[in-house]
Amino acid sequence: MSMISHKSTFPVDIGVKITGVDSNTFALTGEAYATVLPAESKSETARKLQADEVSLAYEFSRKVVLVARSDALAGFVCACH
């Protein structure tokens, strides 16, 4: 996941949370964000926020079996081998 560009006209730094991106950048308050944009800033430079090793996901998917259930309590049950 990359941020291609940004522009902020806010007079304070802005913490950005993005679904699927680890929150490993911290504000002065200690709050975790995917990235923090500086106050009144603009950038046209792409910045990589996260790169995952997708081969691990494929390996995990080969080892997990999803079993559909008919009862209302659970939609799916994961069984790991």
Protein backbone atom coordinates (compact mmCIF):
# COMPACT_ATOMS: atom_id res chain seq x y z
CA MET A 1 0.00 0.00 0.00
CA SER A 2 1.42 3.34 -1.02
CA MET A 3 0.36 6.92 -0.49
CA ILE A 4 0.85 8.62 -3.86
CA SER A 5 0.43 12.22 -2.69
CA HIS A 6 -1.11 14.28 0.08
CA LYS A 7 -2.09 17.84 0.89
CA SER A 8 -3.09 19.09 4.32
CA THR A 9 -4.25 22.61 5.10
CA PHE A 10 -4.88 21.82 8.77
CA PRO A 11 -2.75 23.82 11.23
CA VAL A 12 -1.91 20.67 13.24
CA ASP A 13 -0.47 17.25 12.40
CA ILE A 14 -3.07 14.67 11.30
CA GLY A 15 -2.89 10.99 12.17
CA VAL A 16 -4.21 8.72 9.42
CA LYS A 17 -5.62 5.23 10.06
CA ILE A 18 -6.01 2.99 7.00
CA THR A 19 -7.72 -0.40 7.08
CA GLY A 20 -5.20 -3.11 6.23
CA VAL A 21 -2.14 -0.98 7.02
CA ASP A 22 -0.31 -1.56 10.29
CA SER A 23 -0.44 1.35 12.72
CA ASN A 24 3.27 1.64 13.48
CA THR A 25 3.73 5.42 13.31
CA PHE A 26 3.14 7.27 16.57
CA ALA A 27 1.93 10.79 17.29
CA LEU A 28 3.31 12.87 20.17
CA THR A 29 0.33 11.67 22.23
CA GLY A 30 1.39 8.03 21.77
CA GLU A 31 -1.58 7.19 19.53
CA ALA A 32 -0.69 4.76 16.70
CA TYR A 33 -1.45 5.58 13.05
CA ALA A 34 -0.63 4.23 9.60
CA THR A 35 1.06 7.58 8.95
CA VAL A 36 1.09 11.11 10.33
CA LEU A 37 0.78 14.06 7.97
CA PRO A 38 2.63 17.22 9.08
CA ALA A 39 0.66 20.42 9.56
CA GLU A 40 0.05 22.45 6.39
CA SER A 41 2.03 20.07 4.21
CA LYS A 42 1.93 18.88 0.61
CA SER A 43 3.81 16.07 -1.11
CA GLU A 44 3.72 14.61 -4.61
CA THR A 45 6.28 11.94 -3.72
CA ALA A 46 4.93 8.40 -3.34
CA ARG A 47 5.64 6.76 -0.01
CA LYS A 48 5.23 3.05 0.74
CA LEU A 49 3.14 2.56 3.87
CA GLN A 50 3.22 -1.23 3.98
CA ALA A 51 4.47 -4.16 1.95
CA ASP A 52 3.37 -7.67 2.91
CA GLU A 53 4.87 -11.02 2.04
CA VAL A 54 1.91 -12.52 0.15
CA SER A 55 3.45 -15.98 -0.10
CA LEU A 56 2.72 -16.43 3.62
CA ALA A 57 -0.98 -15.83 2.99
CA TYR A 58 -1.02 -18.45 0.23
CA GLU A 59 0.76 -20.94 2.50
CA PHE A 60 -1.78 -20.30 5.28
CA SER A 61 -4.73 -20.70 2.89
CA ARG A 62 -3.47 -24.14 1.82
CA LYS A 63 -3.47 -25.27 5.47
CA VAL A 64 -6.90 -23.95 6.50
CA VAL A 65 -10.18 -25.66 5.71
CA LEU A 66 -13.40 -23.62 5.89
CA VAL A 67 -16.47 -25.61 6.88
CA ALA A 68 -19.93 -24.07 6.34
CA ARG A 69 -22.39 -24.56 9.18
CA SER A 70 -26.17 -24.41 9.06
CA ASP A 71 -26.84 -23.23 12.62
CA ALA A 72 -27.40 -19.54 13.34
CA LEU A 73 -24.56 -19.29 15.87
CA ALA A 74 -21.64 -19.56 13.45
CA GLY A 75 -21.27 -18.81 9.77
CA PHE A 76 -17.89 -20.47 9.36
CA VAL A 77 -15.56 -22.60 11.41
CA CYS A 78 -11.84 -22.67 10.68
CA ALA A 79 -10.06 -25.93 11.15
CA CYS A 80 -6.27 -25.84 10.91
CA HIS A 81 -4.28 -28.90 9.90
